[in-house]
């Protein structure tokens, strides 16, 4: 056999081995006994109506977003997307103070009718004497520049500022001067308290929200205040400052226990709730959730907190407006299926717009 024929035979043999190996891998990946939970991507086979909602039924005020876009060109593109889906105005919560807030305000202030920019509290030196007075002075400075609210202020159980101010929670007297100044300046305050209940549960086969919970798990955090304790902290803070308007974002992370959330709302007329980033957790129980919307239609605010993609906005409209059933949405990173709430026109009008106009009124 010539060298050329040997080389050709070798190439064919190698190609055959590669194809065989590829077939073996494909067969292995298709083996249902070997499918990993992280790779499970269910697709509904039910032939049910699919509602396409390109624009919200009423002009929308999105009360929960962040500075996802940083340059003037990127912000201009965001405005185009808002026009396409019917979002009239977006609240951009910077969580920032100082130079960071100033730079973000400069970008978004080019569209004063489309964006409302909020600042954050300055926690630098929070454990030093005189901190509250300095933080209040910085808050007043941001407001003079154009800040229209405060948020998103976060505490998942370790402390405010997402745990950096360890041990300082929203109900602490040290926070009083800041919240009282917000009341004086008529600034709404957006609070993120705790996280969805699945993040606090055991990360095992009994956790039906495991795939998302594992990404944000809190069950293994030492010294953390538990979920129920964080709800008590929220209510004490809101009750302590009745003149201040608070927005508990993400259904106050009581999306799994709307009855408890309702009782907290009943007791605290200065508390509102935004529905951002909790469509998945609530649209798995659509009838129960729709009843909650009916009862608390004056206290709920539309929000997204999921970027700026037009398909994302339209998915939220579908979940609020349609009666579609058992559809999948991998964007939420759960393995659940969802059903639309089919909310009435008057409720949609309040959620999308009217409640926000009342809360944001200066």
Protein backbone atom coordinates (compact mmCIF):
# COMPACT_ATOMS: atom_id res chain seq x y z
CA UNK A 1 0.00 0.00 0.00
CA UNK A 2 1.41 3.40 -1.00
CA UNK A 3 2.02 6.11 1.56
CA UNK A 4 -0.76 8.18 -0.03
CA UNK A 5 -3.24 5.30 0.26
CA UNK A 6 -2.12 4.69 3.87
CA UNK A 7 -2.72 8.35 4.67
CA UNK A 8 -6.15 8.29 3.06
CA UNK A 9 -7.10 5.12 4.93
CA UNK A 10 -5.93 6.70 8.19
CA UNK A 11 -8.05 9.80 7.62
CA UNK A 12 -11.14 7.67 6.95
CA UNK A 13 -10.53 5.60 10.04
CA UNK A 14 -10.07 8.70 12.19
CA UNK A 15 -13.25 10.24 10.79
CA UNK A 16 -15.16 7.05 11.55
CA UNK A 17 -13.88 7.09 15.14
CA UNK A 18 -14.89 10.74 15.58
CA UNK A 19 -18.37 10.04 14.21
CA UNK A 20 -18.77 7.02 16.46
CA UNK A 21 -17.67 9.02 19.48
CA UNK A 22 -20.08 11.81 18.57
CA UNK A 23 -22.93 9.35 18.18
CA UNK A 24 -22.12 7.86 21.56
CA UNK A 25 -22.16 11.31 23.19
CA UNK A 26 -25.44 12.19 21.49
CA UNK A 27 -26.97 8.91 22.59
CA UNK A 28 -25.75 9.50 26.13
CA UNK A 29 -27.14 13.05 26.24
CA UNK A 30 -30.48 11.80 24.92
CA UNK A 31 -30.69 9.10 27.57
CA UNK A 32 -33.48 10.26 29.94
CA UNK A 33 -31.69 8.54 32.81
CA UNK A 34 -28.80 10.95 32.33
CA UNK A 35 -30.61 14.29 31.86
CA UNK A 36 -29.42 16.76 34.46
CA UNK A 37 -31.86 19.08 36.20
CA UNK A 38 -29.87 22.12 35.04
CA UNK A 39 -30.36 21.00 31.42
CA UNK A 40 -34.10 20.35 31.72
CA UNK A 41 -35.93 22.73 29.36
CA UNK A 42 -39.61 21.71 29.24
CA UNK A 43 -41.76 22.73 26.28
CA UNK A 44 -45.54 22.64 26.64
CA UNK A 45 -47.30 20.37 24.12
CA UNK A 46 -50.81 21.53 25.04
CA UNK A 47 -52.63 23.11 22.11
CA UNK A 48 -54.05 26.12 23.93
CA UNK A 49 -54.61 29.73 22.84
CA UNK A 50 -51.52 31.91 22.59
CA UNK A 51 -52.16 35.62 23.05
CA UNK A 52 -49.71 38.05 21.51
CA UNK A 53 -49.78 41.44 23.23
CA UNK A 54 -47.44 43.87 21.52
CA UNK A 55 -48.36 46.88 23.65
CA UNK A 56 -49.84 47.17 27.12
CA UNK A 57 -53.54 47.95 27.26
CA UNK A 58 -52.81 51.29 28.94
CA UNK A 59 -49.72 53.53 28.98
CA UNK A 60 -47.29 52.04 31.47
CA UNK A 61 -45.20 53.52 34.26
CA UNK A 62 -42.51 51.00 35.18
CA UNK A 63 -41.59 51.77 38.80
CA UNK A 64 -38.77 49.26 39.08
CA UNK A 65 -35.82 49.36 36.76
CA UNK A 66 -32.11 50.10 37.00
CA UNK A 67 -29.47 51.88 34.89
CA UNK A 68 -29.09 48.96 32.51
CA UNK A 69 -27.90 51.36 29.82
CA UNK A 70 -24.98 53.67 30.50
CA UNK A 71 -24.32 55.71 27.35
CA UNK A 72 -26.56 58.26 25.60
CA UNK A 73 -26.79 55.97 22.57
CA UNK A 74 -27.86 52.99 24.68
CA UNK A 75 -30.44 55.05 26.54
CA UNK A 76 -31.85 56.28 23.21
CA UNK A 77 -32.29 52.65 22.13
CA UNK A 78 -34.10 51.92 25.39
CA UNK A 79 -36.51 54.78 24.69
CA UNK A 80 -37.28 53.23 21.30
CA UNK A 81 -38.12 49.92 22.97
CA UNK A 82 -40.35 51.72 25.46
CA UNK A 83 -42.19 53.34 22.56
CA UNK A 84 -42.69 49.98 20.86
CA UNK A 85 -44.26 48.33 23.91
CA UNK A 86 -46.16 51.26 25.40
CA UNK A 87 -44.02 52.18 28.40
CA UNK A 88 -44.46 55.89 28.97
CA UNK A 89 -42.04 56.33 31.86
CA UNK A 90 -39.46 54.25 33.73
CA UNK A 91 -38.17 54.75 37.26
CA UNK A 92 -34.42 54.15 37.20
CA UNK A 93 -33.26 53.20 40.67
CA UNK A 94 -29.53 53.85 40.78
CA UNK A 95 -28.95 52.81 44.42
CA UNK A 96 -26.18 55.42 44.18
CA UNK A 97 -24.99 58.63 45.79
CA UNK A 98 -22.03 60.92 45.23
CA UNK A 99 -20.28 61.04 41.87
CA UNK A 100 -21.85 57.77 40.71
CA UNK A 101 -25.34 59.21 41.08
CA UNK A 102 -24.28 62.45 39.39
CA UNK A 103 -22.94 60.65 36.32
CA UNK A 104 -26.03 58.45 35.93
CA UNK A 105 -28.36 61.40 36.36
CA UNK A 106 -26.51 63.26 33.61
CA UNK A 107 -27.22 60.45 31.15
CA UNK A 108 -30.90 59.89 31.95
CA UNK A 109 -31.85 63.54 32.52
CA UNK A 110 -31.76 64.03 28.76
CA UNK A 111 -35.19 62.34 28.76
CA UNK A 112 -37.01 63.99 31.70
CA UNK A 113 -40.44 62.83 30.54
CA UNK A 114 -39.34 59.23 30.04
CA UNK A 115 -37.12 58.53 33.04
CA UNK A 116 -37.32 59.34 36.72
CA UNK A 117 -33.98 58.87 38.47
CA UNK A 118 -33.76 57.79 42.11
CA UNK A 119 -30.72 57.90 44.37
CA UNK A 120 -29.58 55.66 47.20
CA UNK A 121 -28.62 56.30 50.80
CA UNK A 122 -24.93 56.87 51.48
CA UNK A 123 -23.86 54.27 54.06
CA UNK A 124 -20.18 55.13 54.11
CA UNK A 125 -19.09 55.38 57.74
CA UNK A 126 -22.51 54.19 58.87
CA UNK A 127 -21.16 52.95 62.21
CA UNK A 128 -19.47 56.26 63.06
CA UNK A 129 -20.93 59.18 65.05
CA UNK A 130 -22.62 61.77 62.84
CA UNK A 131 -23.24 59.33 59.98
CA UNK A 132 -26.99 59.99 59.74
CA UNK A 133 -26.50 63.75 59.46
CA UNK A 134 -23.97 63.32 56.66
CA UNK A 135 -26.23 60.84 54.87
CA UNK A 136 -29.17 63.23 55.12
CA UNK A 137 -27.05 66.05 53.70
CA UNK A 138 -26.06 63.86 50.73
CA UNK A 139 -29.70 62.90 50.20
CA UNK A 140 -30.67 66.58 50.08
CA UNK A 141 -27.88 67.26 47.60
CA UNK A 142 -29.09 64.48 45.30
CA UNK A 143 -32.64 65.79 45.47
CA UNK A 144 -31.51 69.29 44.51
CA UNK A 145 -29.83 67.79 41.47
CA UNK A 146 -32.96 65.88 40.45
CA UNK A 147 -33.41 62.66 42.46
CA UNK A 148 -37.13 61.86 42.73
CA UNK A 149 -37.06 58.91 45.13
CA UNK A 150 -34.79 56.51 47.00
CA UNK A 151 -34.02 52.92 46.15
CA UNK A 152 -33.67 50.12 45.73
CA UNK A 153 -32.48 49.78 49.35
CA UNK A 154 -31.74 46.15 50.10
CA UNK A 155 -31.50 43.87 53.13
CA UNK A 156 -31.68 40.11 52.69
CA UNK A 157 -31.01 39.41 56.36
CA UNK A 158 -27.44 40.48 57.05
CA UNK A 159 -28.05 44.22 57.04
CA UNK A 160 -28.91 47.17 54.83
CA UNK A 161 -26.96 48.06 51.72
CA UNK A 162 -27.21 44.37 50.86
CA UNK A 163 -25.32 43.35 53.99
CA UNK A 164 -22.43 45.80 53.90
CA UNK A 165 -23.86 47.64 56.91
CA UNK A 166 -23.95 44.39 58.83
CA UNK A 167 -26.49 44.29 61.63
CA UNK A 168 -28.17 47.57 60.63
CA UNK A 169 -31.75 46.91 59.52
CA UNK A 170 -34.53 49.18 58.29
CA UNK A 171 -36.28 49.26 61.66
CA UNK A 172 -33.17 50.50 63.48
CA UNK A 173 -33.45 53.98 65.09
CA UNK A 174 -30.27 54.94 63.20
CA UNK A 175 -32.39 54.93 60.03
CA UNK A 176 -34.98 57.34 61.46
CA UNK A 177 -33.41 60.62 60.23
CA UNK A 178 -33.20 59.29 56.66
CA UNK A 179 -36.75 57.99 56.47
CA UNK A 180 -38.12 61.12 58.13
CA UNK A 181 -36.26 63.32 55.66
CA UNK A 182 -37.83 61.29 52.83
CA UNK A 183 -41.24 62.08 54.30
CA UNK A 184 -40.36 65.78 54.48
CA UNK A 185 -39.14 65.82 50.88
CA UNK A 186 -42.00 63.59 49.71
CA UNK A 187 -39.64 60.96 48.37
CA UNK A 188 -40.99 57.40 48.04
CA UNK A 189 -38.58 54.73 49.28
CA UNK A 190 -38.25 51.35 47.58
CA UNK A 191 -37.20 48.55 49.95
CA UNK A 192 -36.02 45.08 48.99
CA UNK A 193 -36.54 42.93 52.05
CA UNK A 194 -35.53 39.26 52.15
CA UNK A 195 -35.75 37.10 48.99
CA UNK A 196 -38.21 34.46 47.74
CA UNK A 197 -38.90 31.75 50.31
CA UNK A 198 -37.30 29.05 48.15
CA UNK A 199 -33.87 30.62 48.74
CA UNK A 200 -34.19 29.89 52.46
CA UNK A 201 -35.23 26.25 52.09
CA UNK A 202 -33.09 23.12 51.88
CA UNK A 203 -31.47 22.75 48.47
CA UNK A 204 -32.75 19.23 47.90
CA UNK A 205 -35.32 17.32 45.86
CA UNK A 206 -38.23 18.78 47.86
CA UNK A 207 -37.51 22.37 46.82
CA UNK A 208 -39.77 23.04 43.84
CA UNK A 209 -37.94 26.27 43.03
CA UNK A 210 -34.51 24.67 43.28
CA UNK A 211 -33.03 25.82 39.98
CA UNK A 212 -33.56 29.51 40.71
CA UNK A 213 -33.10 29.18 44.46
CA UNK A 214 -29.68 27.60 44.07
CA UNK A 215 -28.43 30.70 42.24
CA UNK A 216 -29.48 32.97 45.11
CA UNK A 217 -29.43 30.58 48.07
CA UNK A 218 -29.55 31.99 51.59
CA UNK A 219 -30.01 28.76 53.52
CA UNK A 220 -26.26 28.46 54.05
CA UNK A 221 -25.64 32.02 55.25
CA UNK A 222 -24.54 32.17 58.91
CA UNK A 223 -26.08 34.79 61.17
CA UNK A 224 -28.77 35.80 58.73
CA UNK A 225 -32.23 36.94 59.81
CA UNK A 226 -34.80 34.44 58.54
CA UNK A 227 -37.53 35.18 56.03
CA UNK A 228 -40.30 35.69 58.57
CA UNK A 229 -38.06 37.87 60.70
CA UNK A 230 -37.37 40.10 57.71
CA UNK A 231 -41.10 40.59 57.21
CA UNK A 232 -41.34 41.75 60.82
CA UNK A 233 -38.47 44.18 60.23
CA UNK A 234 -40.26 45.56 57.16
CA UNK A 235 -43.50 46.13 59.00
CA UNK A 236 -41.83 47.72 62.01
CA UNK A 237 -39.97 50.15 59.74
CA UNK A 238 -43.09 51.10 57.79
CA UNK A 239 -45.17 51.46 60.97
CA UNK A 240 -42.42 53.54 62.59
CA UNK A 241 -42.60 56.14 59.80
CA UNK A 242 -46.27 56.62 58.87
CA UNK A 243 -45.59 59.84 56.91
CA UNK A 244 -43.14 58.12 54.58
CA UNK A 245 -44.35 56.33 51.46
CA UNK A 246 -42.70 52.91 51.15
CA UNK A 247 -42.75 50.53 48.20
CA UNK A 248 -41.89 46.94 49.06
CA UNK A 249 -40.56 45.58 45.81
CA UNK A 250 -41.15 42.07 44.46
CA UNK A 251 -44.44 41.59 46.33
CA UNK A 252 -42.36 42.18 49.50
CA UNK A 253 -41.07 38.66 48.74
CA UNK A 254 -44.30 37.33 50.17
CA UNK A 255 -45.31 36.07 46.72
CA UNK A 256 -45.76 32.63 48.28
CA UNK A 257 -48.04 33.93 51.09
CA UNK A 258 -50.29 36.62 49.70
CA UNK A 259 -52.61 36.32 52.68
CA UNK A 260 -49.86 37.54 55.00
CA UNK A 261 -48.95 40.30 52.57
CA UNK A 262 -52.57 41.40 52.55
CA UNK A 263 -52.64 41.65 56.33
CA UNK A 264 -49.49 43.80 56.30
CA UNK A 265 -51.05 46.10 53.69
CA UNK A 266 -54.24 46.35 55.73
CA UNK A 267 -52.28 47.51 58.76
CA UNK A 268 -50.03 49.97 56.92
CA UNK A 269 -51.73 52.44 54.55
CA UNK A 270 -48.37 54.06 53.67
CA UNK A 271 -47.07 50.83 52.13
CA UNK A 272 -47.32 49.89 48.46
CA UNK A 273 -45.99 46.85 46.62
CA UNK A 274 -44.35 46.59 43.23
CA UNK A 275 -44.84 43.37 41.25
CA UNK A 276 -41.46 43.36 39.53
CA UNK A 277 -39.55 40.13 38.91
CA UNK A 278 -42.18 38.01 40.67
CA UNK A 279 -44.39 37.12 37.73
CA UNK A 280 -43.13 33.55 37.80
CA UNK A 281 -43.77 33.06 41.50
CA UNK A 282 -47.35 34.39 41.29
CA UNK A 283 -48.56 33.20 37.88
CA UNK A 284 -48.17 29.57 38.90
CA UNK A 285 -51.24 30.13 41.14
CA UNK A 286 -53.25 32.39 38.81
CA UNK A 287 -56.69 32.23 40.43
CA UNK A 288 -55.38 32.95 43.91
CA UNK A 289 -53.15 35.73 42.57
CA UNK A 290 -55.96 37.31 40.52
CA UNK A 291 -58.12 37.49 43.66
CA UNK A 292 -55.28 39.28 45.44
CA UNK A 293 -55.02 41.81 42.59
CA UNK A 294 -58.77 42.36 42.83
CA UNK A 295 -58.65 43.08 46.55
CA UNK A 296 -55.48 45.20 46.58
CA UNK A 297 -55.78 46.86 43.19
CA UNK A 298 -55.05 50.29 44.72
CA UNK A 299 -51.77 49.22 46.33
CA UNK A 300 -49.93 47.40 43.53
CA UNK A 301 -47.51 48.97 41.04
CA UNK A 302 -46.22 47.62 37.75
CA UNK A 303 -42.47 47.01 37.56
CA UNK A 304 -40.06 44.80 35.63
CA UNK A 305 -36.48 44.67 37.04
CA UNK A 306 -35.57 42.31 34.20
CA UNK A 307 -33.68 44.38 31.66
CA UNK A 308 -34.96 46.27 28.64
CA UNK A 309 -35.80 43.64 26.03
CA UNK A 310 -39.14 44.11 24.28
CA UNK A 311 -39.98 40.40 24.54
CA UNK A 312 -39.63 40.68 28.33
CA UNK A 313 -42.11 43.55 28.53
CA UNK A 314 -44.57 41.70 26.28
CA UNK A 315 -44.32 38.58 28.41
CA UNK A 316 -45.38 40.56 31.48
CA UNK A 317 -48.34 42.01 29.58
CA UNK A 318 -49.38 38.51 28.53
CA UNK A 319 -49.22 37.30 32.11
CA UNK A 320 -51.30 40.19 33.42
CA UNK A 321 -53.84 40.59 30.61
CA UNK A 322 -54.44 37.20 29.00
CA UNK A 323 -56.06 33.97 30.17
CA UNK A 324 -53.46 31.81 28.41
CA UNK A 325 -52.65 28.58 30.24
CA UNK A 326 -49.66 26.36 30.87
CA UNK A 327 -47.00 28.20 28.94
CA UNK A 328 -43.27 28.10 29.62
CA UNK A 329 -40.94 31.06 30.06
CA UNK A 330 -37.30 30.07 30.62
CA UNK A 331 -36.44 33.70 31.34
CA UNK A 332 -37.53 33.08 34.94
CA UNK A 333 -35.14 30.14 35.46
CA UNK A 334 -37.80 27.98 37.10
CA UNK A 335 -39.17 24.72 35.70
CA UNK A 336 -42.74 25.82 36.25
CA UNK A 337 -45.42 26.61 33.70
CA UNK A 338 -47.52 29.76 33.90
CA UNK A 339 -51.04 30.97 33.32
CA UNK A 340 -52.29 34.47 32.61
CA UNK A 341 -54.26 36.36 35.25
CA UNK A 342 -56.82 37.92 32.90
CA UNK A 343 -57.10 41.07 35.01
CA UNK A 344 -60.05 43.40 34.49
CA UNK A 345 -59.57 46.68 32.63
CA UNK A 346 -59.98 48.84 35.73
CA UNK A 347 -57.35 46.83 37.60
CA UNK A 348 -54.90 47.00 34.70
CA UNK A 349 -55.34 50.74 34.47
CA UNK A 350 -54.47 51.13 38.15
CA UNK A 351 -51.55 48.69 38.10
CA UNK A 352 -50.03 50.03 34.90
CA UNK A 353 -50.45 53.72 35.60
CA UNK A 354 -52.85 55.30 38.07
CA UNK A 355 -51.34 53.98 41.29
CA UNK A 356 -47.88 55.07 40.20
CA UNK A 357 -49.13 58.58 39.38
CA UNK A 358 -50.51 58.84 42.90
CA UNK A 359 -47.33 57.51 44.58
CA UNK A 360 -44.96 59.58 42.45
CA UNK A 361 -46.95 62.79 42.86
CA UNK A 362 -44.89 65.48 44.56
